[in-house]
Amino acid sequence: AGLLDHDLPTLFHAEDVDPTTAFLVAPPT
């Protein structure tokens, strides 16, 4: 969008959590 603050949002996670495998919504089964 041409906005300046794209690098400010930072993802933090606990050591035992992998954000690449953390999902909040599951696809329908």
mmCIF file of all heavy atoms, coordinates in Angstrom:
data_MODEL
# 
_entry.id   MODEL 
# 
loop_
_atom_site.group_PDB 
_atom_site.id 
_atom_site.type_symbol 
_atom_site.label_atom_id 
_atom_site.label_alt_id 
_atom_site.label_comp_id 
_atom_site.label_asym_id 
_atom_site.label_entity_id 
_atom_site.label_seq_id 
_atom_site.pdbx_PDB_ins_code 
_atom_site.Cartn_x 
_atom_site.Cartn_y 
_atom_site.Cartn_z 
_atom_site.occupancy 
_atom_site.B_iso_or_equiv 
_atom_site.pdbx_formal_charge 
_atom_site.auth_seq_id 
_atom_site.auth_comp_id 
_atom_site.auth_asym_id 
_atom_site.auth_atom_id 
_atom_site.pdbx_PDB_model_num 
ATOM 1   N N   . ALA A 1 1  ? 0.828   -1.197  0.000  1.00 0.00 ? 1  ALA A N   1 
ATOM 2   C CA  . ALA A 1 1  ? 0.000   0.000   0.000  1.00 0.00 ? 1  ALA A CA  1 
ATOM 3   C C   . ALA A 1 1  ? 0.871   1.260   0.000  1.00 0.00 ? 1  ALA A C   1 
ATOM 4   O O   . ALA A 1 1  ? 0.347   2.367   -0.007 1.00 0.00 ? 1  ALA A O   1 
ATOM 5   C CB  . ALA A 1 1  ? -0.940  -0.009  1.199  1.00 0.00 ? 1  ALA A CB  1 
ATOM 6   N N   . GLY A 1 2  ? 2.184   1.072   0.004  1.00 0.00 ? 2  GLY A N   1 
ATOM 7   C CA  . GLY A 1 2  ? 3.094   2.215   -0.017 1.00 0.00 ? 2  GLY A CA  1 
ATOM 8   C C   . GLY A 1 2  ? 3.222   2.892   1.334  1.00 0.00 ? 2  GLY A C   1 
ATOM 9   O O   . GLY A 1 2  ? 3.668   4.029   1.420  1.00 0.00 ? 2  GLY A O   1 
ATOM 10  N N   . LEU A 1 3  ? 2.828   2.205   2.388  1.00 0.00 ? 3  LEU A N   1 
ATOM 11  C CA  . LEU A 1 3  ? 2.895   2.772   3.729  1.00 0.00 ? 3  LEU A CA  1 
ATOM 12  C C   . LEU A 1 3  ? 4.264   2.473   4.344  1.00 0.00 ? 3  LEU A C   1 
ATOM 13  O O   . LEU A 1 3  ? 4.946   1.537   3.947  1.00 0.00 ? 3  LEU A O   1 
ATOM 14  C CB  . LEU A 1 3  ? 1.759   2.212   4.579  1.00 0.00 ? 3  LEU A CB  1 
ATOM 15  C CG  . LEU A 1 3  ? 0.364   2.435   3.975  1.00 0.00 ? 3  LEU A CG  1 
ATOM 16  C CD1 . LEU A 1 3  ? -0.690  1.679   4.759  1.00 0.00 ? 3  LEU A CD1 1 
ATOM 17  C CD2 . LEU A 1 3  ? 0.034   3.916   3.920  1.00 0.00 ? 3  LEU A CD2 1 
ATOM 18  N N   . LEU A 1 4  ? 4.656   3.290   5.291  1.00 0.00 ? 4  LEU A N   1 
ATOM 19  C CA  . LEU A 1 4  ? 6.031   3.244   5.790  1.00 0.00 ? 4  LEU A CA  1 
ATOM 20  C C   . LEU A 1 4  ? 6.292   2.234   6.901  1.00 0.00 ? 4  LEU A C   1 
ATOM 21  O O   . LEU A 1 4  ? 7.425   1.844   7.117  1.00 0.00 ? 4  LEU A O   1 
ATOM 22  C CB  . LEU A 1 4  ? 6.431   4.641   6.286  1.00 0.00 ? 4  LEU A CB  1 
ATOM 23  C CG  . LEU A 1 4  ? 6.375   5.742   5.236  1.00 0.00 ? 4  LEU A CG  1 
ATOM 24  C CD1 . LEU A 1 4  ? 6.701   7.091   5.873  1.00 0.00 ? 4  LEU A CD1 1 
ATOM 25  C CD2 . LEU A 1 4  ? 7.313   5.438   4.084  1.00 0.00 ? 4  LEU A CD2 1 
ATOM 26  N N   . ASP A 1 5  ? 5.276   1.816   7.609  1.00 0.00 ? 5  ASP A N   1 
ATOM 27  C CA  . ASP A 1 5  ? 5.491   1.043   8.833  1.00 0.00 ? 5  ASP A CA  1 
ATOM 28  C C   . ASP A 1 5  ? 5.385   -0.473  8.666  1.00 0.00 ? 5  ASP A C   1 
ATOM 29  O O   . ASP A 1 5  ? 5.068   -1.181  9.624  1.00 0.00 ? 5  ASP A O   1 
ATOM 30  C CB  . ASP A 1 5  ? 4.503   1.509   9.906  1.00 0.00 ? 5  ASP A CB  1 
ATOM 31  C CG  . ASP A 1 5  ? 4.758   2.942   10.348 1.00 0.00 ? 5  ASP A CG  1 
ATOM 32  O OD1 . ASP A 1 5  ? 5.891   3.429   10.186 1.00 0.00 ? 5  ASP A OD1 1 
ATOM 33  O OD2 . ASP A 1 5  ? 3.816   3.575   10.856 1.00 0.00 ? 5  ASP A OD2 1 
ATOM 34  N N   . HIS A 1 6  ? 5.672   -1.003  7.482  1.00 0.00 ? 6  HIS A N   1 
ATOM 35  C CA  . HIS A 1 6  ? 5.476   -2.434  7.251  1.00 0.00 ? 6  HIS A CA  1 
ATOM 36  C C   . HIS A 1 6  ? 6.362   -3.316  8.121  1.00 0.00 ? 6  HIS A C   1 
ATOM 37  O O   . HIS A 1 6  ? 6.031   -4.466  8.369  1.00 0.00 ? 6  HIS A O   1 
ATOM 38  C CB  . HIS A 1 6  ? 5.693   -2.782  5.776  1.00 0.00 ? 6  HIS A CB  1 
ATOM 39  C CG  . HIS A 1 6  ? 7.112   -2.661  5.343  1.00 0.00 ? 6  HIS A CG  1 
ATOM 40  N ND1 . HIS A 1 6  ? 7.666   -1.452  4.975  1.00 0.00 ? 6  HIS A ND1 1 
ATOM 41  C CD2 . HIS A 1 6  ? 8.093   -3.577  5.236  1.00 0.00 ? 6  HIS A CD2 1 
ATOM 42  C CE1 . HIS A 1 6  ? 8.930   -1.637  4.649  1.00 0.00 ? 6  HIS A CE1 1 
ATOM 43  N NE2 . HIS A 1 6  ? 9.210   -2.926  4.800  1.00 0.00 ? 6  HIS A NE2 1 
ATOM 44  N N   . ASP A 1 7  ? 7.476   -2.799  8.591  1.00 0.00 ? 7  ASP A N   1 
ATOM 45  C CA  . ASP A 1 7  ? 8.383   -3.624  9.387  1.00 0.00 ? 7  ASP A CA  1 
ATOM 46  C C   . ASP A 1 7  ? 8.126   -3.540  10.895 1.00 0.00 ? 7  ASP A C   1 
ATOM 47  O O   . ASP A 1 7  ? 8.790   -4.224  11.666 1.00 0.00 ? 7  ASP A O   1 
ATOM 48  C CB  . ASP A 1 7  ? 9.826   -3.245  9.085  1.00 0.00 ? 7  ASP A CB  1 
ATOM 49  C CG  . ASP A 1 7  ? 10.126  -1.786  9.382  1.00 0.00 ? 7  ASP A CG  1 
ATOM 50  O OD1 . ASP A 1 7  ? 9.181   -0.981  9.452  1.00 0.00 ? 7  ASP A OD1 1 
ATOM 51  O OD2 . ASP A 1 7  ? 11.318  -1.446  9.533  1.00 0.00 ? 7  ASP A OD2 1 
ATOM 52  N N   . LEU A 1 8  ? 7.143   -2.750  11.319 1.00 0.00 ? 8  LEU A N   1 
ATOM 53  C CA  . LEU A 1 8  ? 6.888   -2.590  12.752 1.00 0.00 ? 8  LEU A CA  1 
ATOM 54  C C   . LEU A 1 8  ? 6.106   -3.736  13.387 1.00 0.00 ? 8  LEU A C   1 
ATOM 55  O O   . LEU A 1 8  ? 6.412   -4.114  14.519 1.00 0.00 ? 8  LEU A O   1 
ATOM 56  C CB  . LEU A 1 8  ? 6.180   -1.259  13.027 1.00 0.00 ? 8  LEU A CB  1 
ATOM 57  C CG  . LEU A 1 8  ? 7.009   -0.009  12.702 1.00 0.00 ? 8  LEU A CG  1 
ATOM 58  C CD1 . LEU A 1 8  ? 6.214   1.242   13.048 1.00 0.00 ? 8  LEU A CD1 1 
ATOM 59  C CD2 . LEU A 1 8  ? 8.347   -0.019  13.414 1.00 0.00 ? 8  LEU A CD2 1 
ATOM 60  N N   . PRO A 1 9  ? 5.090   -4.325  12.733 1.00 0.00 ? 9  PRO A N   1 
ATOM 61  C CA  . PRO A 1 9  ? 4.408   -5.461  13.373 1.00 0.00 ? 9  PRO A CA  1 
ATOM 62  C C   . PRO A 1 9  ? 5.388   -6.626  13.558 1.00 0.00 ? 9  PRO A C   1 
ATOM 63  O O   . PRO A 1 9  ? 6.074   -7.036  12.617 1.00 0.00 ? 9  PRO A O   1 
ATOM 64  C CB  . PRO A 1 9  ? 3.300   -5.825  12.391 1.00 0.00 ? 9  PRO A CB  1 
ATOM 65  C CG  . PRO A 1 9  ? 3.095   -4.599  11.570 1.00 0.00 ? 9  PRO A CG  1 
ATOM 66  C CD  . PRO A 1 9  ? 4.442   -3.954  11.476 1.00 0.00 ? 9  PRO A CD  1 
ATOM 67  N N   . THR A 1 10 ? 5.465   -7.122  14.788 1.00 0.00 ? 10 THR A N   1 
ATOM 68  C CA  . THR A 1 10 ? 6.413   -8.172  15.121 1.00 0.00 ? 10 THR A CA  1 
ATOM 69  C C   . THR A 1 10 ? 5.662   -9.324  15.766 1.00 0.00 ? 10 THR A C   1 
ATOM 70  O O   . THR A 1 10 ? 4.861   -9.123  16.672 1.00 0.00 ? 10 THR A O   1 
ATOM 71  C CB  . THR A 1 10 ? 7.482   -7.626  16.094 1.00 0.00 ? 10 THR A CB  1 
ATOM 72  O OG1 . THR A 1 10 ? 8.083   -6.471  15.503 1.00 0.00 ? 10 THR A OG1 1 
ATOM 73  C CG2 . THR A 1 10 ? 8.544   -8.659  16.374 1.00 0.00 ? 10 THR A CG2 1 
ATOM 74  N N   . LEU A 1 11 ? 5.925   -10.526 15.289 1.00 0.00 ? 11 LEU A N   1 
ATOM 75  C CA  . LEU A 1 11 ? 5.293   -11.733 15.826 1.00 0.00 ? 11 LEU A CA  1 
ATOM 76  C C   . LEU A 1 11 ? 6.197   -12.328 16.902 1.00 0.00 ? 11 LEU A C   1 
ATOM 77  O O   . LEU A 1 11 ? 7.371   -12.596 16.660 1.00 0.00 ? 11 LEU A O   1 
ATOM 78  C CB  . LEU A 1 11 ? 5.064   -12.748 14.705 1.00 0.00 ? 11 LEU A CB  1 
ATOM 79  C CG  . LEU A 1 11 ? 4.521   -14.112 15.096 1.00 0.00 ? 11 LEU A CG  1 
ATOM 80  C CD1 . LEU A 1 11 ? 3.151   -13.988 15.749 1.00 0.00 ? 11 LEU A CD1 1 
ATOM 81  C CD2 . LEU A 1 11 ? 4.453   -15.022 13.879 1.00 0.00 ? 11 LEU A CD2 1 
ATOM 82  N N   . PHE A 1 12 ? 5.650   -12.505 18.088 1.00 0.00 ? 12 PHE A N   1 
ATOM 83  C CA  . PHE A 1 12 ? 6.348   -13.149 19.193 1.00 0.00 ? 12 PHE A CA  1 
ATOM 84  C C   . PHE A 1 12 ? 5.646   -14.466 19.479 1.00 0.00 ? 12 PHE A C   1 
ATOM 85  O O   . PHE A 1 12 ? 4.434   -14.573 19.320 1.00 0.00 ? 12 PHE A O   1 
ATOM 86  C CB  . PHE A 1 12 ? 6.282   -12.270 20.454 1.00 0.00 ? 12 PHE A CB  1 
ATOM 87  C CG  . PHE A 1 12 ? 6.905   -10.917 20.275 1.00 0.00 ? 12 PHE A CG  1 
ATOM 88  C CD1 . PHE A 1 12 ? 6.115   -9.829  19.938 1.00 0.00 ? 12 PHE A CD1 1 
ATOM 89  C CD2 . PHE A 1 12 ? 8.262   -10.734 20.447 1.00 0.00 ? 12 PHE A CD2 1 
ATOM 90  C CE1 . PHE A 1 12 ? 6.680   -8.572  19.773 1.00 0.00 ? 12 PHE A CE1 1 
ATOM 91  C CE2 . PHE A 1 12 ? 8.837   -9.483  20.283 1.00 0.00 ? 12 PHE A CE2 1 
ATOM 92  C CZ  . PHE A 1 12 ? 8.043   -8.400  19.948 1.00 0.00 ? 12 PHE A CZ  1 
ATOM 93  N N   . HIS A 1 13 ? 6.424   -15.469 19.884 1.00 0.00 ? 13 HIS A N   1 
ATOM 94  C CA  . HIS A 1 13 ? 5.812   -16.753 20.232 1.00 0.00 ? 13 HIS A CA  1 
ATOM 95  C C   . HIS A 1 13 ? 6.627   -17.448 21.314 1.00 0.00 ? 13 HIS A C   1 
ATOM 96  O O   . HIS A 1 13 ? 7.836   -17.222 21.440 1.00 0.00 ? 13 HIS A O   1 
ATOM 97  C CB  . HIS A 1 13 ? 5.669   -17.659 19.000 1.00 0.00 ? 13 HIS A CB  1 
ATOM 98  C CG  . HIS A 1 13 ? 6.963   -17.935 18.302 1.00 0.00 ? 13 HIS A CG  1 
ATOM 99  N ND1 . HIS A 1 13 ? 7.749   -19.001 18.632 1.00 0.00 ? 13 HIS A ND1 1 
ATOM 100 C CD2 . HIS A 1 13 ? 7.595   -17.280 17.312 1.00 0.00 ? 13 HIS A CD2 1 
ATOM 101 C CE1 . HIS A 1 13 ? 8.828   -19.013 17.853 1.00 0.00 ? 13 HIS A CE1 1 
ATOM 102 N NE2 . HIS A 1 13 ? 8.757   -17.962 17.050 1.00 0.00 ? 13 HIS A NE2 1 
ATOM 103 N N   . ALA A 1 14 ? 5.940   -18.258 22.076 1.00 0.00 ? 14 ALA A N   1 
ATOM 104 C CA  . ALA A 1 14 ? 6.610   -19.039 23.114 1.00 0.00 ? 14 ALA A CA  1 
ATOM 105 C C   . ALA A 1 14 ? 7.570   -20.018 22.440 1.00 0.00 ? 14 ALA A C   1 
ATOM 106 O O   . ALA A 1 14 ? 7.395   -20.393 21.276 1.00 0.00 ? 14 ALA A O   1 
ATOM 107 C CB  . ALA A 1 14 ? 5.575   -19.779 23.955 1.00 0.00 ? 14 ALA A CB  1 
ATOM 108 N N   . GLU A 1 15 ? 8.578   -20.430 23.197 1.00 0.00 ? 15 GLU A N   1 
ATOM 109 C CA  . GLU A 1 15 ? 9.593   -21.335 22.641 1.00 0.00 ? 15 GLU A CA  1 
ATOM 110 C C   . GLU A 1 15 ? 9.006   -22.652 22.146 1.00 0.00 ? 15 GLU A C   1 
ATOM 111 O O   . GLU A 1 15 ? 9.508   -23.237 21.192 1.00 0.00 ? 15 GLU A O   1 
ATOM 112 C CB  . GLU A 1 15 ? 10.674  -21.618 23.687 1.00 0.00 ? 15 GLU A CB  1 
ATOM 113 C CG  . GLU A 1 15 ? 11.559  -20.436 23.965 1.00 0.00 ? 15 GLU A CG  1 
ATOM 114 C CD  . GLU A 1 15 ? 12.640  -20.757 24.983 1.00 0.00 ? 15 GLU A CD  1 
ATOM 115 O OE1 . GLU A 1 15 ? 12.897  -21.961 25.244 1.00 0.00 ? 15 GLU A OE1 1 
ATOM 116 O OE2 . GLU A 1 15 ? 13.234  -19.812 25.512 1.00 0.00 ? 15 GLU A OE2 1 
ATOM 117 N N   . ASP A 1 16 ? 7.940   -23.105 22.784 1.00 0.00 ? 16 ASP A N   1 
ATOM 118 C CA  . ASP A 1 16 ? 7.355   -24.397 22.409 1.00 0.00 ? 16 ASP A CA  1 
ATOM 119 C C   . ASP A 1 16 ? 6.232   -24.267 21.375 1.00 0.00 ? 16 ASP A C   1 
ATOM 120 O O   . ASP A 1 16 ? 5.526   -25.236 21.110 1.00 0.00 ? 16 ASP A O   1 
ATOM 121 C CB  . ASP A 1 16 ? 6.849   -25.134 23.646 1.00 0.00 ? 16 ASP A CB  1 
ATOM 122 C CG  . ASP A 1 16 ? 5.751   -24.379 24.374 1.00 0.00 ? 16 ASP A CG  1 
ATOM 123 O OD1 . ASP A 1 16 ? 5.642   -23.149 24.189 1.00 0.00 ? 16 ASP A OD1 1 
ATOM 124 O OD2 . ASP A 1 16 ? 5.006   -25.015 25.147 1.00 0.00 ? 16 ASP A OD2 1 
ATOM 125 N N   . VAL A 1 17 ? 6.084   -23.088 20.769 1.00 0.00 ? 17 VAL A N   1 
ATOM 126 C CA  . VAL A 1 17 ? 5.033   -22.857 19.776 1.00 0.00 ? 17 VAL A CA  1 
ATOM 127 C C   . VAL A 1 17 ? 5.681   -22.555 18.430 1.00 0.00 ? 17 VAL A C   1 
ATOM 128 O O   . VAL A 1 17 ? 6.558   -21.704 18.331 1.00 0.00 ? 17 VAL A O   1 
ATOM 129 C CB  . VAL A 1 17 ? 4.118   -21.684 20.199 1.00 0.00 ? 17 VAL A CB  1 
ATOM 130 C CG1 . VAL A 1 17 ? 3.117   -21.362 19.108 1.00 0.00 ? 17 VAL A CG1 1 
ATOM 131 C CG2 . VAL A 1 17 ? 3.419   -22.015 21.500 1.00 0.00 ? 17 VAL A CG2 1 
ATOM 132 N N   . ASP A 1 18 ? 5.237   -23.255 17.413 1.00 0.00 ? 18 ASP A N   1 
ATOM 133 C CA  . ASP A 1 18 ? 5.706   -23.012 16.046 1.00 0.00 ? 18 ASP A CA  1 
ATOM 134 C C   . ASP A 1 18 ? 4.617   -22.262 15.288 1.00 0.00 ? 18 ASP A C   1 
ATOM 135 O O   . ASP A 1 18 ? 3.573   -22.843 14.978 1.00 0.00 ? 18 ASP A O   1 
ATOM 136 C CB  . ASP A 1 18 ? 6.008   -24.335 15.351 1.00 0.00 ? 18 ASP A CB  1 
ATOM 137 C CG  . ASP A 1 18 ? 6.519   -24.166 13.926 1.00 0.00 ? 18 ASP A CG  1 
ATOM 138 O OD1 . ASP A 1 18 ? 6.651   -23.020 13.450 1.00 0.00 ? 18 ASP A OD1 1 
ATOM 139 O OD2 . ASP A 1 18 ? 6.792   -25.198 13.292 1.00 0.00 ? 18 ASP A OD2 1 
ATOM 140 N N   . PRO A 1 19 ? 4.827   -20.969 14.989 1.00 0.00 ? 19 PRO A N   1 
ATOM 141 C CA  . PRO A 1 19 ? 3.779   -20.206 14.319 1.00 0.00 ? 19 PRO A CA  1 
ATOM 142 C C   . PRO A 1 19 ? 3.483   -20.671 12.892 1.00 0.00 ? 19 PRO A C   1 
ATOM 143 O O   . PRO A 1 19 ? 2.451   -20.326 12.336 1.00 0.00 ? 19 PRO A O   1 
ATOM 144 C CB  . PRO A 1 19 ? 4.292   -18.765 14.348 1.00 0.00 ? 19 PRO A CB  1 
ATOM 145 C CG  . PRO A 1 19 ? 5.741   -18.857 14.611 1.00 0.00 ? 19 PRO A CG  1 
ATOM 146 C CD  . PRO A 1 19 ? 5.981   -20.147 15.308 1.00 0.00 ? 19 PRO A CD  1 
ATOM 147 N N   . THR A 1 20 ? 4.372   -21.478 12.311 1.00 0.00 ? 20 THR A N   1 
ATOM 148 C CA  . THR A 1 20 ? 4.091   -22.002 10.971 1.00 0.00 ? 20 THR A CA  1 
ATOM 149 C C   . THR A 1 20 ? 3.074   -23.136 11.009 1.00 0.00 ? 20 THR A C   1 
ATOM 150 O O   . THR A 1 20 ? 2.492   -23.478 9.984  1.00 0.00 ? 20 THR A O   1 
ATOM 151 C CB  . THR A 1 20 ? 5.370   -22.497 10.266 1.00 0.00 ? 20 THR A CB  1 
ATOM 152 O OG1 . THR A 1 20 ? 5.935   -23.575 11.008 1.00 0.00 ? 20 THR A OG1 1 
ATOM 153 C CG2 . THR A 1 20 ? 6.385   -21.377 10.120 1.00 0.00 ? 20 THR A CG2 1 
ATOM 154 N N   . THR A 1 21 ? 2.869   -23.717 12.206 1.00 0.00 ? 21 THR A N   1 
ATOM 155 C CA  . THR A 1 21 ? 1.887   -24.796 12.334 1.00 0.00 ? 21 THR A CA  1 
ATOM 156 C C   . THR A 1 21 ? 0.737   -24.411 13.264 1.00 0.00 ? 21 THR A C   1 
ATOM 157 O O   . THR A 1 21 ? -0.071  -25.269 13.625 1.00 0.00 ? 21 THR A O   1 
ATOM 158 C CB  . THR A 1 21 ? 2.553   -26.085 12.856 1.00 0.00 ? 21 THR A CB  1 
ATOM 159 O OG1 . THR A 1 21 ? 3.107   -25.829 14.150 1.00 0.00 ? 21 THR A OG1 1 
ATOM 160 C CG2 . THR A 1 21 ? 3.625   -26.573 11.902 1.00 0.00 ? 21 THR A CG2 1 
ATOM 161 N N   . ALA A 1 22 ? 0.674   -23.136 13.635 1.00 0.00 ? 22 ALA A N   1 
ATOM 162 C CA  . ALA A 1 22 ? -0.409  -22.642 14.492 1.00 0.00 ? 22 ALA A CA  1 
ATOM 163 C C   . ALA A 1 22 ? -1.516  -22.070 13.616 1.00 0.00 ? 22 ALA A C   1 
ATOM 164 O O   . ALA A 1 22 ? -1.290  -21.133 12.851 1.00 0.00 ? 22 ALA A O   1 
ATOM 165 C CB  . ALA A 1 22 ? 0.115   -21.567 15.447 1.00 0.00 ? 22 ALA A CB  1 
ATOM 166 N N   . PHE A 1 23 ? -2.692  -22.662 13.719 1.00 0.00 ? 23 PHE A N   1 
ATOM 167 C CA  . PHE A 1 23 ? -3.854  -22.241 12.939 1.00 0.00 ? 23 PHE A CA  1 
ATOM 168 C C   . PHE A 1 23 ? -4.986  -21.918 13.898 1.00 0.00 ? 23 PHE A C   1 
ATOM 169 O O   . PHE A 1 23 ? -5.191  -22.634 14.873 1.00 0.00 ? 23 PHE A O   1 
ATOM 170 C CB  . PHE A 1 23 ? -4.304  -23.351 11.988 1.00 0.00 ? 23 PHE A CB  1 
ATOM 171 C CG  . PHE A 1 23 ? -3.277  -23.701 10.948 1.00 0.00 ? 23 PHE A CG  1 
ATOM 172 C CD1 . PHE A 1 23 ? -2.277  -24.621 11.219 1.00 0.00 ? 23 PHE A CD1 1 
ATOM 173 C CD2 . PHE A 1 23 ? -3.308  -23.106 9.695  1.00 0.00 ? 23 PHE A CD2 1 
ATOM 174 C CE1 . PHE A 1 23 ? -1.329  -24.942 10.263 1.00 0.00 ? 23 PHE A CE1 1 
ATOM 175 C CE2 . PHE A 1 23 ? -2.370  -23.422 8.733  1.00 0.00 ? 23 PHE A CE2 1 
ATOM 176 C CZ  . PHE A 1 23 ? -1.375  -24.341 9.017  1.00 0.00 ? 23 PHE A CZ  1 
ATOM 177 N N   . LEU A 1 24 ? -5.724  -20.861 13.617 1.00 0.00 ? 24 LEU A N   1 
ATOM 178 C CA  . LEU A 1 24 ? -6.879  -20.510 14.441 1.00 0.00 ? 24 LEU A CA  1 
ATOM 179 C C   . LEU A 1 24 ? -8.188  -20.932 13.795 1.00 0.00 ? 24 LEU A C   1 
ATOM 180 O O   . LEU A 1 24 ? -9.206  -21.026 14.461 1.00 0.00 ? 24 LEU A O   1 
ATOM 181 C CB  . LEU A 1 24 ? -6.903  -19.002 14.712 1.00 0.00 ? 24 LEU A CB  1 
ATOM 182 C CG  . LEU A 1 24 ? -5.684  -18.452 15.459 1.00 0.00 ? 24 LEU A CG  1 
ATOM 183 C CD1 . LEU A 1 24 ? -5.837  -16.954 15.681 1.00 0.00 ? 24 LEU A CD1 1 
ATOM 184 C CD2 . LEU A 1 24 ? -5.495  -19.173 16.781 1.00 0.00 ? 24 LEU A CD2 1 
ATOM 185 N N   . VAL A 1 25 ? -8.164  -21.169 12.497 1.00 0.00 ? 25 VAL A N   1 
ATOM 186 C CA  . VAL A 1 25 ? -9.357  -21.583 11.755 1.00 0.00 ? 25 VAL A CA  1 
ATOM 187 C C   . VAL A 1 25 ? -8.997  -22.827 10.960 1.00 0.00 ? 25 VAL A C   1 
ATOM 188 O O   . VAL A 1 25 ? -8.025  -22.826 10.210 1.00 0.00 ? 25 VAL A O   1 
ATOM 189 C CB  . VAL A 1 25 ? -9.846  -20.469 10.805 1.00 0.00 ? 25 VAL A CB  1 
ATOM 190 C CG1 . VAL A 1 25 ? -11.014 -20.941 9.965  1.00 0.00 ? 25 VAL A CG1 1 
ATOM 191 C CG2 . VAL A 1 25 ? -10.216 -19.219 11.584 1.00 0.00 ? 25 VAL A CG2 1 
ATOM 192 N N   . ALA A 1 26 ? -9.774  -23.883 11.142 1.00 0.00 ? 26 ALA A N   1 
ATOM 193 C CA  . ALA A 1 26 ? -9.550  -25.116 10.388 1.00 0.00 ? 26 ALA A CA  1 
ATOM 194 C C   . ALA A 1 26 ? -10.458 -25.128 9.163  1.00 0.00 ? 26 ALA A C   1 
ATOM 195 O O   . ALA A 1 26 ? -11.608 -24.688 9.239  1.00 0.00 ? 26 ALA A O   1 
ATOM 196 C CB  . ALA A 1 26 ? -9.853  -26.326 11.259 1.00 0.00 ? 26 ALA A CB  1 
ATOM 197 N N   . PRO A 1 27 ? -9.946  -25.607 8.052  1.00 0.00 ? 27 PRO A N   1 
ATOM 198 C CA  . PRO A 1 27 ? -10.817 -25.728 6.881  1.00 0.00 ? 27 PRO A CA  1 
ATOM 199 C C   . PRO A 1 27 ? -11.929 -26.722 7.154  1.00 0.00 ? 27 PRO A C   1 
ATOM 200 O O   . PRO A 1 27 ? -11.774 -27.630 7.982  1.00 0.00 ? 27 PRO A O   1 
ATOM 201 C CB  . PRO A 1 27 ? -9.895  -26.222 5.776  1.00 0.00 ? 27 PRO A CB  1 
ATOM 202 C CG  . PRO A 1 27 ? -8.659  -26.678 6.432  1.00 0.00 ? 27 PRO A CG  1 
ATOM 203 C CD  . PRO A 1 27 ? -8.611  -26.098 7.816  1.00 0.00 ? 27 PRO A CD  1 
ATOM 204 N N   . PRO A 1 28 ? -13.060 -26.581 6.488  1.00 0.00 ? 28 PRO A N   1 
ATOM 205 C CA  . PRO A 1 28 ? -14.161 -27.522 6.713  1.00 0.00 ? 28 PRO A CA  1 
ATOM 206 C C   . PRO A 1 28 ? -13.736 -28.951 6.358  1.00 0.00 ? 28 PRO A C   1 
ATOM 207 O O   . PRO A 1 28 ? -12.966 -29.159 5.433  1.00 0.00 ? 28 PRO A O   1 
ATOM 208 C CB  . PRO A 1 28 ? -15.268 -27.026 5.791  1.00 0.00 ? 28 PRO A CB  1 
ATOM 209 C CG  . PRO A 1 28 ? -14.654 -26.022 4.889  1.00 0.00 ? 28 PRO A CG  1 
ATOM 210 C CD  . PRO A 1 28 ? -13.347 -25.592 5.483  1.00 0.00 ? 28 PRO A CD  1 
ATOM 211 N N   . THR A 1 29 ? -14.246 -29.896 7.123  1.00 0.00 ? 29 THR A N   1 
ATOM 212 C CA  . THR A 1 29 ? -13.879 -31.290 6.877  1.00 0.00 ? 29 THR A CA  1 
ATOM 213 C C   . THR A 1 29 ? -14.931 -32.038 6.074  1.00 0.00 ? 29 THR A C   1 
ATOM 214 O O   . THR A 1 29 ? -14.702 -33.166 5.663  1.00 0.00 ? 29 THR A O   1 
ATOM 215 C CB  . THR A 1 29 ? -13.656 -32.019 8.212  1.00 0.00 ? 29 THR A CB  1 
ATOM 216 O OG1 . THR A 1 29 ? -14.844 -31.921 8.989  1.00 0.00 ? 29 THR A OG1 1 
ATOM 217 C CG2 . THR A 1 29 ? -12.482 -31.423 8.974  1.00 0.00 ? 29 THR A CG2 1 
# 
